[in-house]
Amino acid sequence: MLTSDESYSGKWATFADSLHPFGFTFKLKFYEISKQPIRAVRFNVRCKVTKFPSRAVFIVGVNSPANQNIYYEVTPMNENLMHENKWVELTGLAEFKEPGINNPDNEMVFYLYNLDKEMVYADDYHLEFFK
């Protein structure tokens, strides 16, 4: 989901809460990223939780052309965000070592998932791909 009520910079941020446990999903096909195989992606995203501790996570996943999940990496926010109502940088790394992940038609996805009732925000996504 997107909101203009809260953002780290700019006008919009993604959010997840009890009614919308999945935040807005960013999607990229592997062929859109590079003609060469991608071996890893590092992400940095600014996050804010309205209540600590939080059971929110940031997920990097890979889906097949048939929309089956074939890989996911979960980065818990609770280990990284030690403050309520403060924007904090969350960093993670997903490495694609399994065969078949780099299929050009596979889709890489990035999103928030929140198991709590409280609001969680994410903004200023930065993705760095490694070949």
Foldseek 3Di string as FASTA:
>chain_A
DKDQPDAPDDRIWWKAAPVRQKTDKDKDFLVRVDPDFWFKKKKKKKKAWQDPPFQKWKKKFKAALVRHTDDMDIGGCNVPDPDHPDIDIDMDMDGDPDPPRRDRGIMIMIIMGGPHRTMMIIYDMDMDIHD
